[in-house]
Amino acid sequence: MVLTVLVNFNLLNHHFLPILKCLYFMCLWLFFVFIMVLCKKQ
């Protein structure tokens, strides 16, 4: 029982981490674009 939960969590982690990284980089990119737009407006 505990072993299956651990395995499932490991699989989930393995698939979930790349998604989190993608979201993180997308947020960074959007933040960068936002700053560029603000700088251009001024």
PDB file of N, CA and C in Angstrom:
ATOM      1  N   MET A   1       0.842  -1.199   0.000  1.00  0.00           N
ATOM      2  CA  MET A   1       0.000   0.000   0.000  1.00  0.00           C
ATOM      3  C   MET A   1       0.880   1.254   0.000  1.00  0.00           C
ATOM      4  N   VAL A   2       1.742   1.387   0.971  1.00  0.00           N
ATOM      5  CA  VAL A   2       2.608   2.565   1.060  1.00  0.00           C
ATOM      6  C   VAL A   2       3.549   2.614  -0.140  1.00  0.00           C
ATOM      7  N   LEU A   3       4.018   1.435  -0.548  1.00  0.00           N
ATOM      8  CA  LEU A   3       4.944   1.359  -1.682  1.00  0.00           C
ATOM      9  C   LEU A   3       4.282   1.875  -2.961  1.00  0.00           C
ATOM     10  N   THR A   4       3.037   1.457  -3.210  1.00  0.00           N
ATOM     11  CA  THR A   4       2.330   1.899  -4.411  1.00  0.00           C
ATOM     12  C   THR A   4       2.118   3.407  -4.398  1.00  0.00           C
ATOM     13  N   VAL A   5       1.820   3.945  -3.217  1.00  0.00           N
ATOM     14  CA  VAL A   5       1.646   5.395  -3.095  1.00  0.00           C
ATOM     15  C   VAL A   5       2.953   6.110  -3.426  1.00  0.00           C
ATOM     16  N   LEU A   6       4.052   5.575  -2.911  1.00  0.00           N
ATOM     17  CA  LEU A   6       5.363   6.168  -3.183  1.00  0.00           C
ATOM     18  C   LEU A   6       5.690   6.112  -4.672  1.00  0.00           C
ATOM     19  N   VAL A   7       5.419   4.983  -5.289  1.00  0.00           N
ATOM     20  CA  VAL A   7       5.681   4.826  -6.720  1.00  0.00           C
ATOM     21  C   VAL A   7       4.818   5.795  -7.527  1.00  0.00           C
ATOM     22  N   ASN A   8       3.545   5.877  -7.167  1.00  0.00           N
ATOM     23  CA  ASN A   8       2.640   6.804  -7.854  1.00  0.00           C
ATOM     24  C   ASN A   8       3.110   8.248  -7.693  1.00  0.00           C
ATOM     25  N   PHE A   9       3.532   8.580  -6.489  1.00  0.00           N
ATOM     26  CA  PHE A   9       4.010   9.930  -6.226  1.00  0.00           C
ATOM     27  C   PHE A   9       5.267  10.216  -7.040  1.00  0.00           C
ATOM     28  N   ASN A  10       6.129   9.222  -7.144  1.00  0.00           N
ATOM     29  CA  ASN A  10       7.360   9.365  -7.912  1.00  0.00           C
ATOM     30  C   ASN A  10       7.040   9.597  -9.389  1.00  0.00           C
ATOM     31  N   LEU A  11       6.111   8.822  -9.921  1.00  0.00           N
ATOM     32  CA  LEU A  11       5.704   8.988 -11.312  1.00  0.00           C
ATOM     33  C   LEU A  11       5.088  10.358 -11.532  1.00  0.00           C
ATOM     34  N   LEU A  12       4.214  10.741 -10.619  1.00  0.00           N
ATOM     35  CA  LEU A  12       3.557  12.042 -10.710  1.00  0.00           C
ATOM     36  C   LEU A  12       4.593  13.163 -10.683  1.00  0.00           C
ATOM     37  N   ASN A  13       5.559  13.026  -9.764  1.00  0.00           N
ATOM     38  CA  ASN A  13       6.620  14.011  -9.644  1.00  0.00           C
ATOM     39  C   ASN A  13       7.409  14.106 -10.943  1.00  0.00           C
ATOM     40  N   HIS A  14       7.700  12.947 -11.499  1.00  0.00           N
ATOM     41  CA  HIS A  14       8.487  12.883 -12.725  1.00  0.00           C
ATOM     42  C   HIS A  14       7.774  13.601 -13.878  1.00  0.00           C
ATOM     43  N   HIS A  15       6.470  13.473 -13.945  1.00  0.00           N
ATOM     44  CA  HIS A  15       5.709  14.117 -15.017  1.00  0.00           C
ATOM     45  C   HIS A  15       5.355  15.562 -14.691  1.00  0.00           C
ATOM     46  N   PHE A  16       5.287  15.845 -13.413  1.00  0.00           N
ATOM     47  CA  PHE A  16       4.811  17.161 -12.984  1.00  0.00           C
ATOM     48  C   PHE A  16       5.914  18.215 -12.989  1.00  0.00           C
ATOM     49  N   LEU A  17       7.143  17.803 -12.678  1.00  0.00           N
ATOM     50  CA  LEU A  17       8.251  18.754 -12.602  1.00  0.00           C
ATOM     51  C   LEU A  17       8.500  19.509 -13.910  1.00  0.00           C
ATOM     52  N   PRO A  18       8.527  18.839 -15.062  1.00  0.00           N
ATOM     53  CA  PRO A  18       8.723  19.594 -16.312  1.00  0.00           C
ATOM     54  C   PRO A  18       7.627  20.637 -16.545  1.00  0.00           C
ATOM     55  N   ILE A  19       6.401  20.298 -16.154  1.00  0.00           N
ATOM     56  CA  ILE A  19       5.292  21.249 -16.312  1.00  0.00           C
ATOM     57  C   ILE A  19       5.521  22.470 -15.436  1.00  0.00           C
ATOM     58  N   LEU A  20       5.966  22.225 -14.205  1.00  0.00           N
ATOM     59  CA  LEU A  20       6.257  23.335 -13.299  1.00  0.00           C
ATOM     60  C   LEU A  20       7.373  24.209 -13.850  1.00  0.00           C
ATOM     61  N   LYS A  21       8.397  23.567 -14.406  1.00  0.00           N
ATOM     62  CA  LYS A  21       9.503  24.330 -14.984  1.00  0.00           C
ATOM     63  C   LYS A  21       9.022  25.175 -16.148  1.00  0.00           C
ATOM     64  N   CYS A  22       8.173  24.607 -16.984  1.00  0.00           N
ATOM     65  CA  CYS A  22       7.621  25.357 -18.121  1.00  0.00           C
ATOM     66  C   CYS A  22       6.828  26.566 -17.637  1.00  0.00           C
ATOM     67  N   LEU A  23       5.995  26.359 -16.637  1.00  0.00           N
ATOM     68  CA  LEU A  23       5.209  27.463 -16.080  1.00  0.00           C
ATOM     69  C   LEU A  23       6.109  28.546 -15.503  1.00  0.00           C
ATOM     70  N   TYR A  24       7.158  28.102 -14.816  1.00  0.00           N
ATOM     71  CA  TYR A  24       8.092  29.042 -14.209  1.00  0.00           C
ATOM     72  C   TYR A  24       8.777  29.898 -15.274  1.00  0.00           C
ATOM     73  N   PHE A  25       9.235  29.251 -16.354  1.00  0.00           N
ATOM     74  CA  PHE A  25       9.903  29.997 -17.419  1.00  0.00           C
ATOM     75  C   PHE A  25       8.926  30.903 -18.162  1.00  0.00           C
ATOM     76  N   MET A  26       7.701  30.445 -18.309  1.00  0.00           N
ATOM     77  CA  MET A  26       6.686  31.285 -18.952  1.00  0.00           C
ATOM     78  C   MET A  26       6.418  32.537 -18.122  1.00  0.00           C
ATOM     79  N   CYS A  27       6.348  32.369 -16.807  1.00  0.00           N
ATOM     80  CA  CYS A  27       6.138  33.513 -15.914  1.00  0.00           C
ATOM     81  C   CYS A  27       7.308  34.490 -15.998  1.00  0.00           C
ATOM     82  N   LEU A  28       8.511  33.958 -16.025  1.00  0.00           N
ATOM     83  CA  LEU A  28       9.695  34.815 -16.145  1.00  0.00           C
ATOM     84  C   LEU A  28       9.658  35.589 -17.464  1.00  0.00           C
ATOM     85  N   TRP A  29       9.304  34.906 -18.535  1.00  0.00           N
ATOM     86  CA  TRP A  29       9.253  35.517 -19.862  1.00  0.00           C
ATOM     87  C   TRP A  29       8.192  36.622 -19.902  1.00  0.00           C
ATOM     88  N   LEU A  30       7.014  36.336 -19.341  1.00  0.00           N
ATOM     89  CA  LEU A  30       5.943  37.331 -19.311  1.00  0.00           C
ATOM     90  C   LEU A  30       6.357  38.549 -18.483  1.00  0.00           C
ATOM     91  N   PHE A  31       7.028  38.305 -17.371  1.00  0.00           N
ATOM     92  CA  PHE A  31       7.509  39.389 -16.526  1.00  0.00           C
ATOM     93  C   PHE A  31       8.510  40.257 -17.294  1.00  0.00           C
ATOM     94  N   PHE A  32       9.415  39.615 -18.006  1.00  0.00           N
ATOM     95  CA  PHE A  32      10.417  40.315 -18.809  1.00  0.00           C
ATOM     96  C   PHE A  32       9.751  41.165 -19.893  1.00  0.00           C
ATOM     97  N   VAL A  33       8.793  40.580 -20.596  1.00  0.00           N
ATOM     98  CA  VAL A  33       8.071  41.310 -21.647  1.00  0.00           C
ATOM     99  C   VAL A  33       7.325  42.504 -21.053  1.00  0.00           C
ATOM    100  N   PHE A  34       6.709  42.296 -19.899  1.00  0.00           N
ATOM    101  CA  PHE A  34       5.973  43.359 -19.220  1.00  0.00           C
ATOM    102  C   PHE A  34       6.894  44.532 -18.896  1.00  0.00           C
ATOM    103  N   ILE A  35       8.077  44.246 -18.393  1.00  0.00           N
ATOM    104  CA  ILE A  35       9.046  45.298 -18.065  1.00  0.00           C
ATOM    105  C   ILE A  35       9.506  46.020 -19.337  1.00  0.00           C
ATOM    106  N   MET A  36       9.736  45.259 -20.391  1.00  0.00           N
ATOM    107  CA  MET A  36      10.148  45.871 -21.663  1.00  0.00           C
ATOM    108  C   MET A  36       9.073  46.832 -22.167  1.00  0.00           C
ATOM    109  N   VAL A  37       7.825  46.415 -22.086  1.00  0.00           N
ATOM    110  CA  VAL A  37       6.709  47.265 -22.533  1.00  0.00           C
ATOM    111  C   VAL A  37       6.627  48.534 -21.685  1.00  0.00           C
ATOM    112  N   LEU A  38       6.781  48.381 -20.383  1.00  0.00           N
ATOM    113  CA  LEU A  38       6.741  49.544 -19.490  1.00  0.00           C
ATOM    114  C   LEU A  38       7.880  50.515 -19.816  1.00  0.00           C
ATOM    115  N   CYS A  39       9.047  49.974 -20.058  1.00  0.00           N
ATOM    116  CA  CYS A  39      10.199  50.826 -20.388  1.00  0.00           C
ATOM    117  C   CYS A  39       9.976  51.557 -21.708  1.00  0.00           C
ATOM    118  N   LYS A  40       9.376  50.886 -22.662  1.00  0.00           N
ATOM    119  CA  LYS A  40       9.139  51.525 -23.962  1.00  0.00           C
ATOM    120  C   LYS A  40       8.088  52.623 -23.868  1.00  0.00           C
ATOM    121  N   LYS A  41       7.122  52.434 -22.976  1.00  0.00           N
ATOM    122  CA  LYS A  41       6.077  53.453 -22.811  1.00  0.00           C
ATOM    123  C   LYS A  41       6.656  54.738 -22.227  1.00  0.00           C
ATOM    124  N   GLN A  42       7.647  54.600 -21.363  1.00  0.00           N
ATOM    125  CA  GLN A  42       8.253  55.785 -20.761  1.00  0.00           C
ATOM    126  C   GLN A  42       9.273  56.366 -21.685  1.00  0.00           C
TER     127      GLN A  42
END
